[in-house]
Amino acid sequence: MIMPAKELLKIGELAQMFQVLPSTINFYTREGLLKAADFSQGGYRLYDAKSAGALFKKIKFWQTTKRLTLSEIKKALNK
C-alpha cells in the first residue's frame, strides 16, 4: 500500500490554513515548539500540516483552558 505524501506547507500557507499569523509560526519555530519538516529548493521552511495543526490545538487548549505559560507548554511538550 502506498502511503500518501505529507502535506508540506510554507509558513504563509500554514498560517492561513490555521488562522494564525506567520510571526506566530516563526516564534514557535524559534522557541523549539514547531520544527520544519523539510526545506524547499529555494530554502523556505516547509511544515507538515497535520502535525502543526495538532500542535496549534494543544497550545491553544493549554493557554486558554489550563492557563499555562509558553514556558510551561514547552516543558509539557518535551515530556
PDB file of N, CA and C in Angstrom:
ATOM      1  N   MET A   1       0.845  -1.181   0.000  1.00  0.00           N
ATOM      2  CA  MET A   1       0.000   0.000   0.000  1.00  0.00           C
ATOM      3  C   MET A   1       0.891   1.245   0.000  1.00  0.00           C
ATOM      4  N   ILE A   2       0.595   2.161  -0.867  1.00  0.00           N
ATOM      5  CA  ILE A   2       1.373   3.393  -0.958  1.00  0.00           C
ATOM      6  C   ILE A   2       0.780   4.416   0.006  1.00  0.00           C
ATOM      7  N   MET A   3       1.643   4.937   0.877  1.00  0.00           N
ATOM      8  CA  MET A   3       1.216   5.943   1.845  1.00  0.00           C
ATOM      9  C   MET A   3       1.201   7.311   1.165  1.00  0.00           C
ATOM     10  N   PRO A   4       0.194   8.136   1.448  1.00  0.00           N
ATOM     11  CA  PRO A   4       0.174   9.472   0.855  1.00  0.00           C
ATOM     12  C   PRO A   4       1.309  10.318   1.410  1.00  0.00           C
ATOM     13  N   ALA A   5       1.828  11.181   0.565  1.00  0.00           N
ATOM     14  CA  ALA A   5       2.904  12.075   0.990  1.00  0.00           C
ATOM     15  C   ALA A   5       2.357  13.077   2.007  1.00  0.00           C
ATOM     16  N   LYS A   6       3.225  13.509   2.889  1.00  0.00           N
ATOM     17  CA  LYS A   6       2.826  14.532   3.861  1.00  0.00           C
ATOM     18  C   LYS A   6       2.507  15.808   3.105  1.00  0.00           C
ATOM     19  N   GLU A   7       1.543  16.542   3.639  1.00  0.00           N
ATOM     20  CA  GLU A   7       1.227  17.832   3.055  1.00  0.00           C
ATOM     21  C   GLU A   7       2.150  18.861   3.685  1.00  0.00           C
ATOM     22  N   LEU A   8       3.137  19.309   2.914  1.00  0.00           N
ATOM     23  CA  LEU A   8       4.110  20.281   3.409  1.00  0.00           C
ATOM     24  C   LEU A   8       3.734  21.664   2.914  1.00  0.00           C
ATOM     25  N   LEU A   9       3.725  22.615   3.825  1.00  0.00           N
ATOM     26  CA  LEU A   9       3.305  23.970   3.515  1.00  0.00           C
ATOM     27  C   LEU A   9       4.362  24.979   3.939  1.00  0.00           C
ATOM     28  N   LYS A  10       4.426  26.078   3.192  1.00  0.00           N
ATOM     29  CA  LYS A  10       5.273  27.200   3.589  1.00  0.00           C
ATOM     30  C   LYS A  10       4.586  27.922   4.751  1.00  0.00           C
ATOM     31  N   ILE A  11       5.319  28.791   5.396  1.00  0.00           N
ATOM     32  CA  ILE A  11       4.816  29.499   6.566  1.00  0.00           C
ATOM     33  C   ILE A  11       3.506  30.228   6.275  1.00  0.00           C
ATOM     34  N   GLY A  12       3.447  30.969   5.206  1.00  0.00           N
ATOM     35  CA  GLY A  12       2.233  31.730   4.880  1.00  0.00           C
ATOM     36  C   GLY A  12       1.033  30.841   4.647  1.00  0.00           C
ATOM     37  N   GLU A  13       1.245  29.727   3.964  1.00  0.00           N
ATOM     38  CA  GLU A  13       0.159  28.785   3.697  1.00  0.00           C
ATOM     39  C   GLU A  13      -0.335  28.149   4.994  1.00  0.00           C
ATOM     40  N   LEU A  14       0.600  27.783   5.850  1.00  0.00           N
ATOM     41  CA  LEU A  14       0.255  27.177   7.128  1.00  0.00           C
ATOM     42  C   LEU A  14      -0.499  28.180   8.006  1.00  0.00           C
ATOM     43  N   ALA A  15      -0.024  29.410   8.017  1.00  0.00           N
ATOM     44  CA  ALA A  15      -0.672  30.454   8.814  1.00  0.00           C
ATOM     45  C   ALA A  15      -2.105  30.673   8.352  1.00  0.00           C
ATOM     46  N   GLN A  16      -2.305  30.710   7.061  1.00  0.00           N
ATOM     47  CA  GLN A  16      -3.640  30.918   6.521  1.00  0.00           C
ATOM     48  C   GLN A  16      -4.544  29.731   6.844  1.00  0.00           C
ATOM     49  N   MET A  17      -4.024  28.527   6.723  1.00  0.00           N
ATOM     50  CA  MET A  17      -4.814  27.329   6.977  1.00  0.00           C
ATOM     51  C   MET A  17      -5.320  27.274   8.420  1.00  0.00           C
ATOM     52  N   PHE A  18      -4.469  27.679   9.369  1.00  0.00           N
ATOM     53  CA  PHE A  18      -4.821  27.558  10.782  1.00  0.00           C
ATOM     54  C   PHE A  18      -5.155  28.901  11.432  1.00  0.00           C
ATOM     55  N   GLN A  19      -5.292  29.928  10.615  1.00  0.00           N
ATOM     56  CA  GLN A  19      -5.706  31.250  11.074  1.00  0.00           C
ATOM     57  C   GLN A  19      -4.837  31.791  12.205  1.00  0.00           C
ATOM     58  N   VAL A  20      -3.527  31.708  11.990  1.00  0.00           N
ATOM     59  CA  VAL A  20      -2.558  32.327  12.893  1.00  0.00           C
ATOM     60  C   VAL A  20      -1.674  33.238  12.056  1.00  0.00           C
ATOM     61  N   LEU A  21      -0.962  34.104  12.708  1.00  0.00           N
ATOM     62  CA  LEU A  21      -0.050  34.990  11.989  1.00  0.00           C
ATOM     63  C   LEU A  21       1.231  34.239  11.633  1.00  0.00           C
ATOM     64  N   PRO A  22       1.847  34.574  10.490  1.00  0.00           N
ATOM     65  CA  PRO A  22       3.141  33.958  10.167  1.00  0.00           C
ATOM     66  C   PRO A  22       4.174  34.192  11.269  1.00  0.00           C
ATOM     67  N   SER A  23       4.093  35.325  11.944  1.00  0.00           N
ATOM     68  CA  SER A  23       5.033  35.604  13.038  1.00  0.00           C
ATOM     69  C   SER A  23       4.856  34.616  14.192  1.00  0.00           C
ATOM     70  N   THR A  24       3.642  34.108  14.374  1.00  0.00           N
ATOM     71  CA  THR A  24       3.402  33.094  15.397  1.00  0.00           C
ATOM     72  C   THR A  24       4.154  31.821  15.062  1.00  0.00           C
ATOM     73  N   ILE A  25       4.110  31.432  13.798  1.00  0.00           N
ATOM     74  CA  ILE A  25       4.820  30.229  13.354  1.00  0.00           C
ATOM     75  C   ILE A  25       6.322  30.428  13.500  1.00  0.00           C
ATOM     76  N   ASN A  26       6.806  31.589  13.120  1.00  0.00           N
ATOM     77  CA  ASN A  26       8.235  31.882  13.291  1.00  0.00           C
ATOM     78  C   ASN A  26       8.626  31.835  14.762  1.00  0.00           C
ATOM     79  N   PHE A  27       7.790  32.395  15.630  1.00  0.00           N
ATOM     80  CA  PHE A  27       8.064  32.398  17.061  1.00  0.00           C
ATOM     81  C   PHE A  27       8.104  30.973  17.599  1.00  0.00           C
ATOM     82  N   TYR A  28       7.095  30.164  17.267  1.00  0.00           N
ATOM     83  CA  TYR A  28       7.058  28.774  17.731  1.00  0.00           C
ATOM     84  C   TYR A  28       8.278  28.005  17.229  1.00  0.00           C
ATOM     85  N   THR A  29       8.727  28.313  16.030  1.00  0.00           N
ATOM     86  CA  THR A  29       9.909  27.644  15.481  1.00  0.00           C
ATOM     87  C   THR A  29      11.154  28.056  16.262  1.00  0.00           C
ATOM     88  N   ARG A  30      11.311  29.351  16.496  1.00  0.00           N
ATOM     89  CA  ARG A  30      12.470  29.849  17.258  1.00  0.00           C
ATOM     90  C   ARG A  30      12.494  29.272  18.670  1.00  0.00           C
ATOM     91  N   GLU A  31      11.315  29.124  19.271  1.00  0.00           N
ATOM     92  CA  GLU A  31      11.216  28.618  20.641  1.00  0.00           C
ATOM     93  C   GLU A  31      11.359  27.097  20.727  1.00  0.00           C
ATOM     94  N   GLY A  32      11.414  26.434  19.578  1.00  0.00           N
ATOM     95  CA  GLY A  32      11.587  24.991  19.566  1.00  0.00           C
ATOM     96  C   GLY A  32      10.307  24.188  19.719  1.00  0.00           C
ATOM     97  N   LEU A  33       9.160  24.861  19.635  1.00  0.00           N
ATOM     98  CA  LEU A  33       7.882  24.161  19.744  1.00  0.00           C
ATOM     99  C   LEU A  33       7.500  23.493  18.426  1.00  0.00           C
ATOM    100  N   LEU A  34       7.865  24.106  17.331  1.00  0.00           N
ATOM    101  CA  LEU A  34       7.496  23.642  15.996  1.00  0.00           C
ATOM    102  C   LEU A  34       8.763  23.481  15.183  1.00  0.00           C
ATOM    103  N   LYS A  35       8.870  22.369  14.507  1.00  0.00           N
ATOM    104  CA  LYS A  35      10.064  22.113  13.695  1.00  0.00           C
ATOM    105  C   LYS A  35       9.684  21.983  12.229  1.00  0.00           C
ATOM    106  N   ALA A  36      10.524  22.534  11.370  1.00  0.00           N
ATOM    107  CA  ALA A  36      10.310  22.394   9.933  1.00  0.00           C
ATOM    108  C   ALA A  36      10.503  20.931   9.544  1.00  0.00           C
ATOM    109  N   ALA A  37       9.620  20.432   8.706  1.00  0.00           N
ATOM    110  CA  ALA A  37       9.706  19.040   8.251  1.00  0.00           C
ATOM    111  C   ALA A  37      10.730  18.895   7.130  1.00  0.00           C
ATOM    112  N   ASP A  38      10.923  19.977   6.385  1.00  0.00           N
ATOM    113  CA  ASP A  38      11.825  19.931   5.234  1.00  0.00           C
ATOM    114  C   ASP A  38      12.074  21.361   4.782  1.00  0.00           C
ATOM    115  N   PHE A  39      12.849  21.503   3.726  1.00  0.00           N
ATOM    116  CA  PHE A  39      13.112  22.806   3.132  1.00  0.00           C
ATOM    117  C   PHE A  39      12.861  22.720   1.633  1.00  0.00           C
ATOM    118  N   SER A  40      12.339  23.795   1.063  1.00  0.00           N
ATOM    119  CA  SER A  40      12.109  23.831  -0.384  1.00  0.00           C
ATOM    120  C   SER A  40      13.442  24.028  -1.093  1.00  0.00           C
ATOM    121  N   GLN A  41      13.422  23.914  -2.401  1.00  0.00           N
ATOM    122  CA  GLN A  41      14.644  24.141  -3.174  1.00  0.00           C
ATOM    123  C   GLN A  41      15.150  25.563  -2.987  1.00  0.00           C
ATOM    124  N   GLY A  42      14.227  26.498  -2.732  1.00  0.00           N
ATOM    125  CA  GLY A  42      14.600  27.892  -2.513  1.00  0.00           C
ATOM    126  C   GLY A  42      15.017  28.187  -1.083  1.00  0.00           C
ATOM    127  N   GLY A  43      15.004  27.173  -0.212  1.00  0.00           N
ATOM    128  CA  GLY A  43      15.436  27.360   1.158  1.00  0.00           C
ATOM    129  C   GLY A  43      14.333  27.723   2.137  1.00  0.00           C
ATOM    130  N   TYR A  44      13.081  27.724   1.666  1.00  0.00           N
ATOM    131  CA  TYR A  44      11.963  28.021   2.560  1.00  0.00           C
ATOM    132  C   TYR A  44      11.699  26.831   3.478  1.00  0.00           C
ATOM    133  N   ARG A  45      11.375  27.133   4.727  1.00  0.00           N
ATOM    134  CA  ARG A  45      10.994  26.063   5.649  1.00  0.00           C
ATOM    135  C   ARG A  45       9.627  25.531   5.240  1.00  0.00           C
ATOM    136  N   LEU A  46       9.485  24.227   5.291  1.00  0.00           N
ATOM    137  CA  LEU A  46       8.217  23.572   4.987  1.00  0.00           C
ATOM    138  C   LEU A  46       7.764  22.818   6.225  1.00  0.00           C
ATOM    139  N   TYR A  47       6.479  22.951   6.532  1.00  0.00           N
ATOM    140  CA  TYR A  47       5.925  22.348   7.739  1.00  0.00           C
ATOM    141  C   TYR A  47       4.874  21.318   7.369  1.00  0.00           C
ATOM    142  N   ASP A  48       4.820  20.238   8.150  1.00  0.00           N
ATOM    143  CA  ASP A  48       3.805  19.215   7.979  1.00  0.00           C
ATOM    144  C   ASP A  48       2.492  19.760   8.543  1.00  0.00           C
ATOM    145  N   ALA A  49       1.486  19.872   7.698  1.00  0.00           N
ATOM    146  CA  ALA A  49       0.211  20.490   8.089  1.00  0.00           C
ATOM    147  C   ALA A  49      -0.460  19.725   9.228  1.00  0.00           C
ATOM    148  N   LYS A  50      -0.428  18.407   9.172  1.00  0.00           N
ATOM    149  CA  LYS A  50      -1.126  17.603  10.187  1.00  0.00           C
ATOM    150  C   LYS A  50      -0.491  17.771  11.571  1.00  0.00           C
ATOM    151  N   SER A  51       0.823  17.649  11.658  1.00  0.00           N
ATOM    152  CA  SER A  51       1.471  17.761  12.964  1.00  0.00           C
ATOM    153  C   SER A  51       1.432  19.200  13.483  1.00  0.00           C
ATOM    154  N   ALA A  52       1.544  20.178  12.593  1.00  0.00           N
ATOM    155  CA  ALA A  52       1.463  21.578  13.025  1.00  0.00           C
ATOM    156  C   ALA A  52       0.067  21.894  13.550  1.00  0.00           C
ATOM    157  N   GLY A  53      -0.962  21.382  12.881  1.00  0.00           N
ATOM    158  CA  GLY A  53      -2.331  21.606  13.338  1.00  0.00           C
ATOM    159  C   GLY A  53      -2.572  21.015  14.714  1.00  0.00           C
ATOM    160  N   ALA A  54      -2.049  19.817  14.928  1.00  0.00           N
ATOM    161  CA  ALA A  54      -2.188  19.179  16.246  1.00  0.00           C
ATOM    162  C   ALA A  54      -1.481  20.004  17.315  1.00  0.00           C
ATOM    163  N   LEU A  55      -0.311  20.528  16.978  1.00  0.00           N
ATOM    164  CA  LEU A  55       0.434  21.358  17.927  1.00  0.00           C
ATOM    165  C   LEU A  55      -0.329  22.636  18.257  1.00  0.00           C
ATOM    166  N   PHE A  56      -0.876  23.302  17.236  1.00  0.00           N
ATOM    167  CA  PHE A  56      -1.627  24.537  17.471  1.00  0.00           C
ATOM    168  C   PHE A  56      -2.826  24.280  18.382  1.00  0.00           C
ATOM    169  N   LYS A  57      -3.505  23.152  18.189  1.00  0.00           N
ATOM    170  CA  LYS A  57      -4.657  22.807  19.027  1.00  0.00           C
ATOM    171  C   LYS A  57      -4.229  22.598  20.479  1.00  0.00           C
ATOM    172  N   LYS A  58      -3.117  21.893  20.670  1.00  0.00           N
ATOM    173  CA  LYS A  58      -2.616  21.662  22.030  1.00  0.00           C
ATOM    174  C   LYS A  58      -2.251  22.971  22.703  1.00  0.00           C
ATOM    175  N   ILE A  59      -1.515  23.819  22.005  1.00  0.00           N
ATOM    176  CA  ILE A  59      -1.076  25.093  22.583  1.00  0.00           C
ATOM    177  C   ILE A  59      -2.283  25.948  22.952  1.00  0.00           C
ATOM    178  N   LYS A  60      -3.247  26.040  22.037  1.00  0.00           N
ATOM    179  CA  LYS A  60      -4.434  26.854  22.311  1.00  0.00           C
ATOM    180  C   LYS A  60      -5.194  26.308  23.521  1.00  0.00           C
ATOM    181  N   PHE A  61      -5.344  24.988  23.596  1.00  0.00           N
ATOM    182  CA  PHE A  61      -6.031  24.367  24.734  1.00  0.00           C
ATOM    183  C   PHE A  61      -5.305  24.688  26.028  1.00  0.00           C
ATOM    184  N   TRP A  62      -3.997  24.483  26.039  1.00  0.00           N
ATOM    185  CA  TRP A  62      -3.230  24.714  27.259  1.00  0.00           C
ATOM    186  C   TRP A  62      -3.232  26.180  27.671  1.00  0.00           C
ATOM    187  N   GLN A  63      -3.214  27.078  26.685  1.00  0.00           N
ATOM    188  CA  GLN A  63      -3.214  28.503  27.011  1.00  0.00           C
ATOM    189  C   GLN A  63      -4.577  28.960  27.523  1.00  0.00           C
ATOM    190  N   THR A  64      -5.645  28.510  26.878  1.00  0.00           N
ATOM    191  CA  THR A  64      -6.967  29.032  27.227  1.00  0.00           C
ATOM    192  C   THR A  64      -7.632  28.267  28.361  1.00  0.00           C
ATOM    193  N   THR A  65      -7.531  26.960  28.353  1.00  0.00           N
ATOM    194  CA  THR A  65      -8.216  26.148  29.355  1.00  0.00           C
ATOM    195  C   THR A  65      -7.379  25.952  30.611  1.00  0.00           C
ATOM    196  N   LYS A  66      -6.116  25.622  30.419  1.00  0.00           N
ATOM    197  CA  LYS A  66      -5.243  25.334  31.556  1.00  0.00           C
ATOM    198  C   LYS A  66      -4.482  26.558  32.049  1.00  0.00           C
ATOM    199  N   ARG A  67      -4.505  27.637  31.252  1.00  0.00           N
ATOM    200  CA  ARG A  67      -3.814  28.880  31.597  1.00  0.00           C
ATOM    201  C   ARG A  67      -2.316  28.686  31.803  1.00  0.00           C
ATOM    202  N   LEU A  68      -1.709  27.836  30.983  1.00  0.00           N
ATOM    203  CA  LEU A  68      -0.268  27.607  31.077  1.00  0.00           C
ATOM    204  C   LEU A  68       0.488  28.697  30.325  1.00  0.00           C
ATOM    205  N   THR A  69       1.670  29.013  30.812  1.00  0.00           N
ATOM    206  CA  THR A  69       2.546  29.943  30.111  1.00  0.00           C
ATOM    207  C   THR A  69       3.251  29.184  28.990  1.00  0.00           C
ATOM    208  N   LEU A  70       3.868  29.900  28.085  1.00  0.00           N
ATOM    209  CA  LEU A  70       4.592  29.256  26.989  1.00  0.00           C
ATOM    210  C   LEU A  70       5.733  28.398  27.530  1.00  0.00           C
ATOM    211  N   SER A  71       6.369  28.849  28.590  1.00  0.00           N
ATOM    212  CA  SER A  71       7.439  28.074  29.215  1.00  0.00           C
ATOM    213  C   SER A  71       6.908  26.744  29.742  1.00  0.00           C
ATOM    214  N   GLU A  72       5.742  26.776  30.371  1.00  0.00           N
ATOM    215  CA  GLU A  72       5.128  25.551  30.888  1.00  0.00           C
ATOM    216  C   GLU A  72       4.696  24.623  29.750  1.00  0.00           C
ATOM    217  N   ILE A  73       4.223  25.211  28.672  1.00  0.00           N
ATOM    218  CA  ILE A  73       3.821  24.425  27.496  1.00  0.00           C
ATOM    219  C   ILE A  73       5.021  23.736  26.890  1.00  0.00           C
ATOM    220  N   LYS A  74       6.148  24.443  26.808  1.00  0.00           N
ATOM    221  CA  LYS A  74       7.378  23.844  26.276  1.00  0.00           C
ATOM    222  C   LYS A  74       7.780  22.646  27.107  1.00  0.00           C
ATOM    223  N   LYS A  75       7.698  22.772  28.421  1.00  0.00           N
ATOM    224  CA  LYS A  75       8.043  21.653  29.306  1.00  0.00           C
ATOM    225  C   LYS A  75       7.092  20.482  29.086  1.00  0.00           C
ATOM    226  N   ALA A  76       5.805  20.765  28.953  1.00  0.00           N
ATOM    227  CA  ALA A  76       4.803  19.709  28.737  1.00  0.00           C
ATOM    228  C   ALA A  76       5.032  18.989  27.411  1.00  0.00           C
ATOM    229  N   LEU A  77       5.406  19.722  26.390  1.00  0.00           N
ATOM    230  CA  LEU A  77       5.642  19.112  25.070  1.00  0.00           C
ATOM    231  C   LEU A  77       6.913  18.268  25.046  1.00  0.00           C
ATOM    232  N   ASN A  78       7.861  18.603  25.887  1.00  0.00           N
ATOM    233  CA  ASN A  78       9.135  17.893  25.890  1.00  0.00           C
ATOM    234  C   ASN A  78       9.148  16.669  26.813  1.00  0.00           C
ATOM    235  N   LYS A  79       8.027  16.370  27.430  1.00  0.00           N
ATOM    236  CA  LYS A  79       7.951  15.195  28.317  1.00  0.00           C
ATOM    237  C   LYS A  79       7.865  13.928  27.513  1.00  0.00           C
TER     238      LYS A  79
END
